[in-house]
Amino acid sequence: MTVKASDAVATAKKEIGTRATNYRKCKYNTWYYGSAVSGDAYHWCAVFICWVFNQLGALISMLYLKTASCGYMAKAFLDKGRLIRPKSLTAGLSTKDVKVGDIVFFHWSTERSTLVPGTYVSDHVGIVTAVNSNGTIDTVEGNTIDTVNGQVAARTRSMNVVSCLGRPDYAPESGTAVAAPTAKATKPAVLYRVHSGGVWHKEVNDFSSYAGVAGKAITDVAIKVTSGSVKYRVHIKGGGWLPYVTGYNIADAVNGYAGNGKPIDAIEVYYMTPESVRQSFGYLKAKYRVHSGALWYSWQYDNEKTGGQDGYAGKLGQNIYRVQLTLSN
């Protein structure tokens, strides 16, 4: 069955005013659990969203799983590459990131999610029915607290409490102009090369290989992306961080590469996602790691410091011999 965003919104809106009784006893939970249930354990905001898409015959095809957990619902979108996350938790998302029909995940605290890195823990979920010019969104949500047992209600929410957005793969709305067929969007790639042993080594394309040679400490790094922009810097062993650079030109010692001819022990890379890429792939981050000669260190995303990340790849005081880079959600 072909489902449009307007179908999901209309189905959700029809349920506005439906209330649970006897402490979260409602038709949505009965459908989900297979029999009537009630009690504090049976929160049903995610169940309501599943019910809506089940009514449309699109539960698994568009939500990817049947779940009562907001967190696992968000993770399902992440795993399918259809989750919109903020570039940073500080910046958050804006209404420019939202579309009608999006599944919107809310956070009531600043606890960081381990299921969906780069977001806060998802405490509640709804479906977007309108995007407003004043920076808010309208939603329909199940299990609101209008009554002690919860009900389906329309809400207007600030983007300040939006953790992330799931974007079902809806069909185009009827009447929408159909553009001429175009090539499928291509995810941007990272091109990079390093200087070690007195020479610049050949360019590496994304995960096709790695840059560097065993036993030869890297002294300089050059990085570029096929779409968007990147800034990067390196830390000199026994010294400090050099300034950020954004260029890719081994003949330009000022902004064409990062390094000063001395061994480096850490690297920081940050990717800026353009709108054209965000529309197809969501916000992307630089995903990178380095090899010290004994082991590969853990993956680093941009300059994040969550989940055990340091904000850079490497270990101060240890030479870097190899580098590997890509872009990832």
C-alpha atoms as a PDB file:
ATOM      1  CA  MET A   1       0.000   0.000   0.000  1.00  0.00           C
ATOM      2  CA  THR A   2       1.286   3.445  -0.957  1.00  0.00           C
ATOM      3  CA  VAL A   3       1.211   5.795   2.025  1.00  0.00           C
ATOM      4  CA  LYS A   4       1.627   9.565   1.913  1.00  0.00           C
ATOM      5  CA  ALA A   5       2.506  11.849   4.815  1.00  0.00           C
ATOM      6  CA  SER A   6      -1.004  13.287   4.643  1.00  0.00           C
ATOM      7  CA  ASP A   7      -2.446   9.783   5.156  1.00  0.00           C
ATOM      8  CA  ALA A   8      -0.493   9.296   8.375  1.00  0.00           C
ATOM      9  CA  VAL A   9      -1.364  12.773   9.649  1.00  0.00           C
ATOM     10  CA  ALA A  10      -5.082  12.320   8.860  1.00  0.00           C
ATOM     11  CA  THR A  11      -5.166   8.932  10.605  1.00  0.00           C
ATOM     12  CA  ALA A  12      -3.518  10.374  13.705  1.00  0.00           C
ATOM     13  CA  LYS A  13      -5.798  13.416  13.792  1.00  0.00           C
ATOM     14  CA  LYS A  14      -8.909  11.237  13.738  1.00  0.00           C
ATOM     15  CA  GLU A  15      -7.836   9.832  17.102  1.00  0.00           C
ATOM     16  CA  ILE A  16      -7.568  13.208  18.883  1.00  0.00           C
ATOM     17  CA  GLY A  17      -9.600  13.103  22.081  1.00  0.00           C
ATOM     18  CA  THR A  18      -9.402   9.334  22.536  1.00  0.00           C
ATOM     19  CA  ARG A  19      -8.681   8.703  26.198  1.00  0.00           C
ATOM     20  CA  ALA A  20      -7.269   5.811  28.163  1.00  0.00           C
ATOM     21  CA  THR A  21      -9.130   4.541  31.208  1.00  0.00           C
ATOM     22  CA  ASN A  22      -8.190   2.510  34.269  1.00  0.00           C
ATOM     23  CA  TYR A  23      -4.627   3.760  34.218  1.00  0.00           C
ATOM     24  CA  ARG A  24      -3.439   3.576  30.612  1.00  0.00           C
ATOM     25  CA  LYS A  25      -5.966   0.992  29.479  1.00  0.00           C
ATOM     26  CA  CYS A  26      -6.711   1.900  25.857  1.00  0.00           C
ATOM     27  CA  LYS A  27      -7.389   0.341  22.484  1.00  0.00           C
ATOM     28  CA  TYR A  28      -3.822   1.054  21.355  1.00  0.00           C
ATOM     29  CA  ASN A  29      -2.289  -0.972  24.177  1.00  0.00           C
ATOM     30  CA  THR A  30      -4.854  -3.718  23.675  1.00  0.00           C
ATOM     31  CA  TRP A  31      -3.837  -3.935  20.024  1.00  0.00           C
ATOM     32  CA  TYR A  32      -0.139  -3.911  20.885  1.00  0.00           C
ATOM     33  CA  TYR A  33      -0.160  -6.464  23.719  1.00  0.00           C
ATOM     34  CA  GLY A  34      -2.949  -8.636  22.360  1.00  0.00           C
ATOM     35  CA  SER A  35      -5.184  -8.169  25.401  1.00  0.00           C
ATOM     36  CA  ALA A  36      -6.303  -5.401  27.729  1.00  0.00           C
ATOM     37  CA  VAL A  37      -3.537  -4.142  30.028  1.00  0.00           C
ATOM     38  CA  SER A  38      -3.229  -1.316  32.514  1.00  0.00           C
ATOM     39  CA  GLY A  39      -0.663   0.059  34.916  1.00  0.00           C
ATOM     40  CA  ASP A  40       2.303   2.379  35.182  1.00  0.00           C
ATOM     41  CA  ALA A  41       4.462   0.204  32.893  1.00  0.00           C
ATOM     42  CA  TYR A  42       2.201   0.691  29.878  1.00  0.00           C
ATOM     43  CA  HIS A  43       3.117   4.096  28.484  1.00  0.00           C
ATOM     44  CA  TRP A  44       1.707   4.229  24.987  1.00  0.00           C
ATOM     45  CA  CYS A  45       3.028   7.199  22.981  1.00  0.00           C
ATOM     46  CA  ALA A  46       5.197   4.924  20.789  1.00  0.00           C
ATOM     47  CA  VAL A  47       2.434   2.319  20.700  1.00  0.00           C
ATOM     48  CA  PHE A  48       0.077   4.972  19.313  1.00  0.00           C
ATOM     49  CA  ILE A  49       2.487   5.799  16.454  1.00  0.00           C
ATOM     50  CA  CYS A  50       2.805   2.089  15.647  1.00  0.00           C
ATOM     51  CA  TRP A  51      -0.991   1.771  15.686  1.00  0.00           C
ATOM     52  CA  VAL A  52      -1.363   4.656  13.216  1.00  0.00           C
ATOM     53  CA  PHE A  53       0.988   3.075  10.706  1.00  0.00           C
ATOM     54  CA  ASN A  54      -0.513  -0.351  11.250  1.00  0.00           C
ATOM     55  CA  GLN A  55      -3.893   1.128  10.283  1.00  0.00           C
ATOM     56  CA  LEU A  56      -2.269   2.175   7.019  1.00  0.00           C
ATOM     57  CA  GLY A  57      -0.694  -1.234   6.447  1.00  0.00           C
ATOM     58  CA  ALA A  58       2.752   0.325   6.710  1.00  0.00           C
ATOM     59  CA  LEU A  59       4.015  -0.503  10.197  1.00  0.00           C
ATOM     60  CA  ILE A  60       7.087  -2.493   9.205  1.00  0.00           C
ATOM     61  CA  SER A  61       7.674  -0.837   5.839  1.00  0.00           C
ATOM     62  CA  MET A  62       7.803   2.663   7.345  1.00  0.00           C
ATOM     63  CA  LEU A  63       8.589   2.322  11.057  1.00  0.00           C
ATOM     64  CA  TYR A  64      10.659  -0.866  10.595  1.00  0.00           C
ATOM     65  CA  LEU A  65       9.529  -2.462  13.858  1.00  0.00           C
ATOM     66  CA  LYS A  66       6.681  -2.761  16.331  1.00  0.00           C
ATOM     67  CA  THR A  67       7.768  -1.276  19.644  1.00  0.00           C
ATOM     68  CA  ALA A  68       6.566   0.493  22.763  1.00  0.00           C
ATOM     69  CA  SER A  69       9.993   2.141  23.187  1.00  0.00           C
ATOM     70  CA  CYS A  70      10.698   5.636  21.867  1.00  0.00           C
ATOM     71  CA  GLY A  71      14.419   4.902  21.962  1.00  0.00           C
ATOM     72  CA  TYR A  72      14.230   1.745  19.883  1.00  0.00           C
ATOM     73  CA  MET A  73      11.894   3.429  17.418  1.00  0.00           C
ATOM     74  CA  ALA A  74      14.462   6.204  16.928  1.00  0.00           C
ATOM     75  CA  LYS A  75      17.233   3.627  16.575  1.00  0.00           C
ATOM     76  CA  ALA A  76      15.261   1.812  13.868  1.00  0.00           C
ATOM     77  CA  PHE A  77      15.186   5.029  11.826  1.00  0.00           C
ATOM     78  CA  LEU A  78      18.908   5.499  12.502  1.00  0.00           C
ATOM     79  CA  ASP A  79      19.703   1.963  11.324  1.00  0.00           C
ATOM     80  CA  LYS A  80      17.793   2.589   8.083  1.00  0.00           C
ATOM     81  CA  GLY A  81      19.535   5.925   7.481  1.00  0.00           C
ATOM     82  CA  ARG A  82      16.299   7.884   7.922  1.00  0.00           C
ATOM     83  CA  LEU A  83      16.946   9.687  11.221  1.00  0.00           C
ATOM     84  CA  ILE A  84      17.535  13.441  11.310  1.00  0.00           C
ATOM     85  CA  ARG A  85      19.874  14.358  14.162  1.00  0.00           C
ATOM     86  CA  PRO A  86      21.314  17.725  15.182  1.00  0.00           C
ATOM     87  CA  LYS A  87      24.804  18.552  14.051  1.00  0.00           C
ATOM     88  CA  SER A  88      25.538  19.112  17.714  1.00  0.00           C
ATOM     89  CA  LEU A  89      23.492  18.816  20.893  1.00  0.00           C
ATOM     90  CA  THR A  90      24.204  22.465  21.627  1.00  0.00           C
ATOM     91  CA  ALA A  91      22.875  23.658  18.264  1.00  0.00           C
ATOM     92  CA  GLY A  92      19.870  21.331  18.194  1.00  0.00           C
ATOM     93  CA  LEU A  93      17.417  21.115  15.302  1.00  0.00           C
ATOM     94  CA  SER A  94      15.302  23.901  13.795  1.00  0.00           C
ATOM     95  CA  THR A  95      12.010  23.962  11.912  1.00  0.00           C
ATOM     96  CA  LYS A  96      14.061  23.989   8.692  1.00  0.00           C
ATOM     97  CA  ASP A  97      14.886  20.365   9.476  1.00  0.00           C
ATOM     98  CA  VAL A  98      11.245  19.293   9.918  1.00  0.00           C
ATOM     99  CA  LYS A  99       8.666  18.016   7.425  1.00  0.00           C
ATOM    100  CA  VAL A 100       4.984  17.274   7.958  1.00  0.00           C
ATOM    101  CA  GLY A 101       4.650  13.562   8.671  1.00  0.00           C
ATOM    102  CA  ASP A 102       7.977  13.293  10.476  1.00  0.00           C
ATOM    103  CA  ILE A 103       8.027  11.167  13.613  1.00  0.00           C
ATOM    104  CA  VAL A 104       9.317  13.553  16.256  1.00  0.00           C
ATOM    105  CA  PHE A 105      11.175  12.369  19.359  1.00  0.00           C
ATOM    106  CA  PHE A 106      11.158  14.621  22.432  1.00  0.00           C
ATOM    107  CA  HIS A 107      13.521  14.839  25.380  1.00  0.00           C
ATOM    108  CA  TRP A 108      12.534  16.099  28.819  1.00  0.00           C
ATOM    109  CA  SER A 109      16.083  15.947  30.217  1.00  0.00           C
ATOM    110  CA  THR A 110      19.644  16.373  28.973  1.00  0.00           C
ATOM    111  CA  GLU A 111      20.562  12.728  29.476  1.00  0.00           C
ATOM    112  CA  ARG A 112      22.474  11.585  26.408  1.00  0.00           C
ATOM    113  CA  SER A 113      21.279   8.572  24.488  1.00  0.00           C
ATOM    114  CA  THR A 114      23.433   5.481  24.171  1.00  0.00           C
ATOM    115  CA  LEU A 115      21.034   3.921  21.653  1.00  0.00           C
ATOM    116  CA  VAL A 116      21.168   6.876  19.280  1.00  0.00           C
ATOM    117  CA  PRO A 117      24.512   8.687  19.639  1.00  0.00           C
ATOM    118  CA  GLY A 118      24.392  12.431  19.162  1.00  0.00           C
ATOM    119  CA  THR A 119      20.907  12.796  20.668  1.00  0.00           C
ATOM    120  CA  TYR A 120      19.302  13.096  24.058  1.00  0.00           C
ATOM    121  CA  VAL A 121      17.296  10.178  25.459  1.00  0.00           C
ATOM    122  CA  SER A 122      13.915  10.062  23.717  1.00  0.00           C
ATOM    123  CA  ASP A 123      11.211  10.379  26.384  1.00  0.00           C
ATOM    124  CA  HIS A 124       8.158  10.885  24.170  1.00  0.00           C
ATOM    125  CA  VAL A 125       7.127  10.696  20.523  1.00  0.00           C
ATOM    126  CA  GLY A 126       4.491  12.142  18.197  1.00  0.00           C
ATOM    127  CA  ILE A 127       3.847  12.908  14.540  1.00  0.00           C
ATOM    128  CA  VAL A 128       4.319  16.356  12.991  1.00  0.00           C
ATOM    129  CA  THR A 129       1.166  17.890  11.512  1.00  0.00           C
ATOM    130  CA  ALA A 130       2.443  21.406  10.740  1.00  0.00           C
ATOM    131  CA  VAL A 131       5.644  23.441  10.752  1.00  0.00           C
ATOM    132  CA  ASN A 132       5.039  26.984  12.000  1.00  0.00           C
ATOM    133  CA  SER A 133       6.759  30.229  11.035  1.00  0.00           C
ATOM    134  CA  ASN A 134       7.328  31.142  14.696  1.00  0.00           C
ATOM    135  CA  GLY A 135       9.796  28.289  15.217  1.00  0.00           C
ATOM    136  CA  THR A 136       7.351  25.758  16.651  1.00  0.00           C
ATOM    137  CA  ILE A 137       5.752  22.585  15.311  1.00  0.00           C
ATOM    138  CA  ASP A 138       2.243  21.164  15.665  1.00  0.00           C
ATOM    139  CA  THR A 139       1.915  17.494  16.519  1.00  0.00           C
ATOM    140  CA  VAL A 140      -0.485  14.728  17.410  1.00  0.00           C
ATOM    141  CA  GLU A 141       0.708  12.618  20.351  1.00  0.00           C
ATOM    142  CA  GLY A 142      -0.595   9.665  22.302  1.00  0.00           C
ATOM    143  CA  ASN A 143      -0.325   9.243  26.076  1.00  0.00           C
ATOM    144  CA  THR A 144      -0.317  12.955  26.868  1.00  0.00           C
ATOM    145  CA  ILE A 145      -1.086  13.966  30.449  1.00  0.00           C
ATOM    146  CA  ASP A 146      -4.336  15.838  29.821  1.00  0.00           C
ATOM    147  CA  THR A 147      -5.914  13.113  31.921  1.00  0.00           C
ATOM    148  CA  VAL A 148      -4.430  10.835  34.565  1.00  0.00           C
ATOM    149  CA  ASN A 149      -4.578   7.920  32.141  1.00  0.00           C
ATOM    150  CA  GLY A 150      -3.405   9.791  29.052  1.00  0.00           C
ATOM    151  CA  GLN A 151      -5.114  10.710  25.817  1.00  0.00           C
ATOM    152  CA  VAL A 152      -4.443  11.487  22.160  1.00  0.00           C
ATOM    153  CA  ALA A 153      -4.025  15.238  21.819  1.00  0.00           C
ATOM    154  CA  ALA A 154      -2.843  17.950  19.454  1.00  0.00           C
ATOM    155  CA  ARG A 155       0.167  19.847  20.723  1.00  0.00           C
ATOM    156  CA  THR A 156       2.332  22.805  19.729  1.00  0.00           C
ATOM    157  CA  ARG A 157       5.940  22.163  20.721  1.00  0.00           C
ATOM    158  CA  SER A 158       9.142  24.197  20.878  1.00  0.00           C
ATOM    159  CA  MET A 159      12.110  22.839  18.959  1.00  0.00           C
ATOM    160  CA  ASN A 160      14.087  23.090  22.205  1.00  0.00           C
ATOM    161  CA  VAL A 161      12.637  19.755  23.329  1.00  0.00           C
ATOM    162  CA  VAL A 162      13.095  17.932  20.003  1.00  0.00           C
ATOM    163  CA  SER A 163      15.815  15.303  20.215  1.00  0.00           C
ATOM    164  CA  CYS A 164      15.637  13.915  16.655  1.00  0.00           C
ATOM    165  CA  LEU A 165      13.276  13.149  13.779  1.00  0.00           C
ATOM    166  CA  GLY A 166      12.387   9.917  11.989  1.00  0.00           C
ATOM    167  CA  ARG A 167      11.419  10.351   8.348  1.00  0.00           C
ATOM    168  CA  PRO A 168       9.255   7.527   6.926  1.00  0.00           C
ATOM    169  CA  ASP A 169       9.730   6.850   3.225  1.00  0.00           C
ATOM    170  CA  TYR A 170       6.395   8.358   2.186  1.00  0.00           C
ATOM    171  CA  ALA A 171       5.003   8.385  -1.329  1.00  0.00           C
ATOM    172  CA  PRO A 172       4.728  11.821  -3.017  1.00  0.00           C
ATOM    173  CA  GLU A 173       1.537  13.737  -2.327  1.00  0.00           C
ATOM    174  CA  SER A 174      -1.001  13.650  -5.159  1.00  0.00           C
ATOM    175  CA  GLY A 175      -0.795  16.760  -7.274  1.00  0.00           C
ATOM    176  CA  THR A 176       2.893  17.165  -6.532  1.00  0.00           C
ATOM    177  CA  ALA A 177       4.800  17.903  -9.672  1.00  0.00           C
ATOM    178  CA  VAL A 178       6.918  14.949 -10.673  1.00  0.00           C
ATOM    179  CA  ALA A 179      10.410  15.926 -11.681  1.00  0.00           C
ATOM    180  CA  ALA A 180      12.236  14.258 -14.511  1.00  0.00           C
ATOM    181  CA  PRO A 181      14.136  11.192 -13.360  1.00  0.00           C
ATOM    182  CA  THR A 182      17.508  12.060 -11.889  1.00  0.00           C
ATOM    183  CA  ALA A 183      20.441  10.009 -10.806  1.00  0.00           C
ATOM    184  CA  LYS A 184      20.246   8.647  -7.295  1.00  0.00           C
ATOM    185  CA  ALA A 185      21.918  10.936  -4.784  1.00  0.00           C
ATOM    186  CA  THR A 186      25.458   9.902  -4.015  1.00  0.00           C
ATOM    187  CA  LYS A 187      26.813  10.103  -0.514  1.00  0.00           C
ATOM    188  CA  PRO A 188      29.829  12.444  -0.320  1.00  0.00           C
ATOM    189  CA  ALA A 189      33.231  10.838  -0.036  1.00  0.00           C
ATOM    190  CA  VAL A 190      36.382  11.891   1.787  1.00  0.00           C
ATOM    191  CA  LEU A 191      39.652  12.124  -0.127  1.00  0.00           C
ATOM    192  CA  TYR A 192      42.832  12.318   1.902  1.00  0.00           C
ATOM    193  CA  ARG A 193      46.582  11.802   1.812  1.00  0.00           C
ATOM    194  CA  VAL A 194      49.433  11.982   4.284  1.00  0.00           C
ATOM    195  CA  HIS A 195      53.092  12.952   4.334  1.00  0.00           C
ATOM    196  CA  SER A 196      55.549  10.579   6.022  1.00  0.00           C
ATOM    197  CA  GLY A 197      59.060   9.380   5.408  1.00  0.00           C
ATOM    198  CA  GLY A 198      59.768  12.570   3.476  1.00  0.00           C
ATOM    199  CA  VAL A 199      57.123  12.023   0.766  1.00  0.00           C
ATOM    200  CA  TRP A 200      53.435  12.611   0.132  1.00  0.00           C
ATOM    201  CA  HIS A 201      51.695   9.283  -0.332  1.00  0.00           C
ATOM    202  CA  LYS A 202      48.959   8.625  -2.853  1.00  0.00           C
ATOM    203  CA  GLU A 203      45.421   9.857  -2.281  1.00  0.00           C
ATOM    204  CA  VAL A 204      42.943   7.533  -0.581  1.00  0.00           C
ATOM    205  CA  ASN A 205      39.213   7.545  -1.333  1.00  0.00           C
ATOM    206  CA  ASP A 206      37.116   6.951   1.788  1.00  0.00           C
ATOM    207  CA  PHE A 207      37.261   3.346   3.029  1.00  0.00           C
ATOM    208  CA  SER A 208      39.009   1.993  -0.069  1.00  0.00           C
ATOM    209  CA  SER A 209      42.169   1.750   2.024  1.00  0.00           C
ATOM    210  CA  TYR A 210      44.024   3.840   4.590  1.00  0.00           C
ATOM    211  CA  ALA A 211      46.652   6.569   4.316  1.00  0.00           C
ATOM    212  CA  GLY A 212      50.122   5.982   5.721  1.00  0.00           C
ATOM    213  CA  VAL A 213      52.963   3.496   5.905  1.00  0.00           C
ATOM    214  CA  ALA A 214      53.878   1.248   8.807  1.00  0.00           C
ATOM    215  CA  GLY A 215      56.875   2.543  10.748  1.00  0.00           C
ATOM    216  CA  LYS A 216      56.849   6.029   9.212  1.00  0.00           C
ATOM    217  CA  ALA A 217      55.378   8.731  11.438  1.00  0.00           C
ATOM    218  CA  ILE A 218      52.881  11.005   9.719  1.00  0.00           C
ATOM    219  CA  THR A 219      53.918  14.669   9.705  1.00  0.00           C
ATOM    220  CA  ASP A 220      51.256  16.278   7.514  1.00  0.00           C
ATOM    221  CA  VAL A 221      47.669  15.539   6.449  1.00  0.00           C
ATOM    222  CA  ALA A 222      45.515  16.860   3.584  1.00  0.00           C
ATOM    223  CA  ILE A 223      41.742  16.238   3.500  1.00  0.00           C
ATOM    224  CA  LYS A 224      38.861  17.199   1.229  1.00  0.00           C
ATOM    225  CA  VAL A 225      35.257  16.101   0.625  1.00  0.00           C
ATOM    226  CA  THR A 226      33.357  15.722  -2.636  1.00  0.00           C
ATOM    227  CA  SER A 227      30.424  17.744  -1.301  1.00  0.00           C
ATOM    228  CA  GLY A 228      30.199  20.153   1.600  1.00  0.00           C
ATOM    229  CA  SER A 229      33.271  21.343   3.465  1.00  0.00           C
ATOM    230  CA  VAL A 230      35.656  20.134   6.101  1.00  0.00           C
ATOM    231  CA  LYS A 231      37.967  21.759   8.620  1.00  0.00           C
ATOM    232  CA  TYR A 232      40.791  19.881  10.285  1.00  0.00           C
ATOM    233  CA  ARG A 233      43.863  20.316  12.425  1.00  0.00           C
ATOM    234  CA  VAL A 234      46.692  18.262  13.907  1.00  0.00           C
ATOM    235  CA  HIS A 235      48.519  18.105  17.213  1.00  0.00           C
ATOM    236  CA  ILE A 236      52.310  18.067  17.083  1.00  0.00           C
ATOM    237  CA  LYS A 237      53.988  15.448  19.257  1.00  0.00           C
ATOM    238  CA  GLY A 238      55.547  17.248  22.200  1.00  0.00           C
ATOM    239  CA  GLY A 239      53.944  20.492  21.076  1.00  0.00           C
ATOM    240  CA  GLY A 240      50.415  21.756  20.605  1.00  0.00           C
ATOM    241  CA  TRP A 241      47.534  22.069  18.180  1.00  0.00           C
ATOM    242  CA  LEU A 242      48.190  23.822  14.882  1.00  0.00           C
ATOM    243  CA  PRO A 243      45.492  26.115  13.397  1.00  0.00           C
ATOM    244  CA  TYR A 244      42.524  24.650  11.521  1.00  0.00           C
ATOM    245  CA  VAL A 245      42.831  24.414   7.753  1.00  0.00           C
ATOM    246  CA  THR A 246      40.097  23.915   5.160  1.00  0.00           C
ATOM    247  CA  GLY A 247      42.019  23.529   1.909  1.00  0.00           C
ATOM    248  CA  TYR A 248      43.505  20.601   0.031  1.00  0.00           C
ATOM    249  CA  ASN A 249      46.720  21.559  -1.713  1.00  0.00           C
ATOM    250  CA  ILE A 250      50.082  20.075  -0.769  1.00  0.00           C
ATOM    251  CA  ALA A 251      51.796  23.125  -2.308  1.00  0.00           C
ATOM    252  CA  ASP A 252      49.996  25.448   0.129  1.00  0.00           C
ATOM    253  CA  ALA A 253      51.635  25.228   3.559  1.00  0.00           C
ATOM    254  CA  VAL A 254      49.207  27.789   5.025  1.00  0.00           C
ATOM    255  CA  ASN A 255      45.757  26.347   4.255  1.00  0.00           C
ATOM    256  CA  GLY A 256      46.339  23.397   1.951  1.00  0.00           C
ATOM    257  CA  TYR A 257      47.218  20.811   4.570  1.00  0.00           C
ATOM    258  CA  ALA A 258      47.646  20.437   8.331  1.00  0.00           C
ATOM    259  CA  GLY A 259      51.145  19.923   9.714  1.00  0.00           C
ATOM    260  CA  ASN A 260      54.584  21.480   9.912  1.00  0.00           C
ATOM    261  CA  GLY A 261      56.845  18.581   9.013  1.00  0.00           C
ATOM    262  CA  LYS A 262      57.047  17.237  12.568  1.00  0.00           C
ATOM    263  CA  PRO A 263      55.437  13.997  13.795  1.00  0.00           C
ATOM    264  CA  ILE A 264      51.806  14.345  14.799  1.00  0.00           C
ATOM    265  CA  ASP A 265      50.059  12.415  17.552  1.00  0.00           C
ATOM    266  CA  ALA A 266      46.424  13.528  17.149  1.00  0.00           C
ATOM    267  CA  ILE A 267      44.068  14.755  14.463  1.00  0.00           C
ATOM    268  CA  GLU A 268      40.687  16.488  14.603  1.00  0.00           C
ATOM    269  CA  VAL A 269      38.288  16.559  11.628  1.00  0.00           C
ATOM    270  CA  TYR A 270      34.901  18.296  11.398  1.00  0.00           C
ATOM    271  CA  TYR A 271      32.452  18.014   8.481  1.00  0.00           C
ATOM    272  CA  MET A 272      29.899  20.708   7.558  1.00  0.00           C
ATOM    273  CA  THR A 273      26.833  19.147   5.889  1.00  0.00           C
ATOM    274  CA  PRO A 274      25.291  21.208   3.045  1.00  0.00           C
ATOM    275  CA  GLU A 275      21.514  21.352   2.598  1.00  0.00           C
ATOM    276  CA  SER A 276      21.624  19.256  -0.576  1.00  0.00           C
ATOM    277  CA  VAL A 277      23.333  16.406   1.282  1.00  0.00           C
ATOM    278  CA  ARG A 278      21.190  16.762   4.405  1.00  0.00           C
ATOM    279  CA  GLN A 279      17.996  16.303   2.382  1.00  0.00           C
ATOM    280  CA  SER A 280      19.170  12.903   1.135  1.00  0.00           C
ATOM    281  CA  PHE A 281      21.335  11.563   3.936  1.00  0.00           C
ATOM    282  CA  GLY A 282      20.673  13.691   7.020  1.00  0.00           C
ATOM    283  CA  TYR A 283      23.479  15.392   8.875  1.00  0.00           C
ATOM    284  CA  LEU A 284      26.780  13.617   8.368  1.00  0.00           C
ATOM    285  CA  LYS A 285      29.866  13.636  10.544  1.00  0.00           C
ATOM    286  CA  ALA A 286      33.507  12.946   9.908  1.00  0.00           C
ATOM    287  CA  LYS A 287      34.197   9.411  11.144  1.00  0.00           C
ATOM    288  CA  TYR A 288      37.894   8.743  11.523  1.00  0.00           C
ATOM    289  CA  ARG A 289      40.539   6.758  13.349  1.00  0.00           C
ATOM    290  CA  VAL A 290      44.310   6.483  13.497  1.00  0.00           C
ATOM    291  CA  HIS A 291      46.868   3.704  13.935  1.00  0.00           C
ATOM    292  CA  SER A 292      49.747   4.099  16.368  1.00  0.00           C
ATOM    293  CA  GLY A 293      51.829   1.267  15.011  1.00  0.00           C
ATOM    294  CA  ALA A 294      50.471  -1.166  17.580  1.00  0.00           C
ATOM    295  CA  LEU A 295      46.706  -0.773  17.201  1.00  0.00           C
ATOM    296  CA  TRP A 296      43.871   1.190  15.685  1.00  0.00           C
ATOM    297  CA  TYR A 297      42.356   3.610  18.173  1.00  0.00           C
ATOM    298  CA  SER A 298      38.571   3.866  18.515  1.00  0.00           C
ATOM    299  CA  TRP A 299      36.480   5.716  15.947  1.00  0.00           C
ATOM    300  CA  GLN A 300      36.013   9.445  16.524  1.00  0.00           C
ATOM    301  CA  TYR A 301      33.029  11.441  15.193  1.00  0.00           C
ATOM    302  CA  ASP A 302      33.760  15.115  14.376  1.00  0.00           C
ATOM    303  CA  ASN A 303      35.061  16.666  17.595  1.00  0.00           C
ATOM    304  CA  GLU A 304      32.508  15.029  19.884  1.00  0.00           C
ATOM    305  CA  LYS A 305      33.395  14.214  23.482  1.00  0.00           C
ATOM    306  CA  THR A 306      30.518  11.895  24.322  1.00  0.00           C
ATOM    307  CA  GLY A 307      30.532   8.127  24.759  1.00  0.00           C
ATOM    308  CA  GLY A 308      34.215   7.972  25.622  1.00  0.00           C
ATOM    309  CA  GLN A 309      35.338  10.119  22.674  1.00  0.00           C
ATOM    310  CA  ASP A 310      38.186  12.614  23.180  1.00  0.00           C
ATOM    311  CA  GLY A 311      37.250  15.181  20.532  1.00  0.00           C
ATOM    312  CA  TYR A 312      40.118  13.918  18.369  1.00  0.00           C
ATOM    313  CA  ALA A 313      41.708  10.673  17.162  1.00  0.00           C
ATOM    314  CA  GLY A 314      45.032   9.596  18.584  1.00  0.00           C
ATOM    315  CA  LYS A 315      46.925   9.542  21.850  1.00  0.00           C
ATOM    316  CA  LEU A 316      49.136  12.441  22.846  1.00  0.00           C
ATOM    317  CA  GLY A 317      52.754  11.365  22.855  1.00  0.00           C
ATOM    318  CA  GLN A 318      52.253   8.491  20.395  1.00  0.00           C
ATOM    319  CA  ASN A 319      53.190   8.816  16.725  1.00  0.00           C
ATOM    320  CA  ILE A 320      50.468   8.283  14.128  1.00  0.00           C
ATOM    321  CA  TYR A 321      51.346   5.984  11.231  1.00  0.00           C
ATOM    322  CA  ARG A 322      48.023   5.475   9.458  1.00  0.00           C
ATOM    323  CA  VAL A 323      44.736   7.355   9.074  1.00  0.00           C
ATOM    324  CA  GLN A 324      41.316   6.206   7.882  1.00  0.00           C
ATOM    325  CA  LEU A 325      38.368   8.529   7.141  1.00  0.00           C
ATOM    326  CA  THR A 326      34.758   8.468   5.966  1.00  0.00           C
ATOM    327  CA  LEU A 327      31.460  10.304   6.536  1.00  0.00           C
ATOM    328  CA  SER A 328      28.717   8.785   8.663  1.00  0.00           C
ATOM    329  CA  ASN A 329      25.488   9.561  10.548  1.00  0.00           C
END
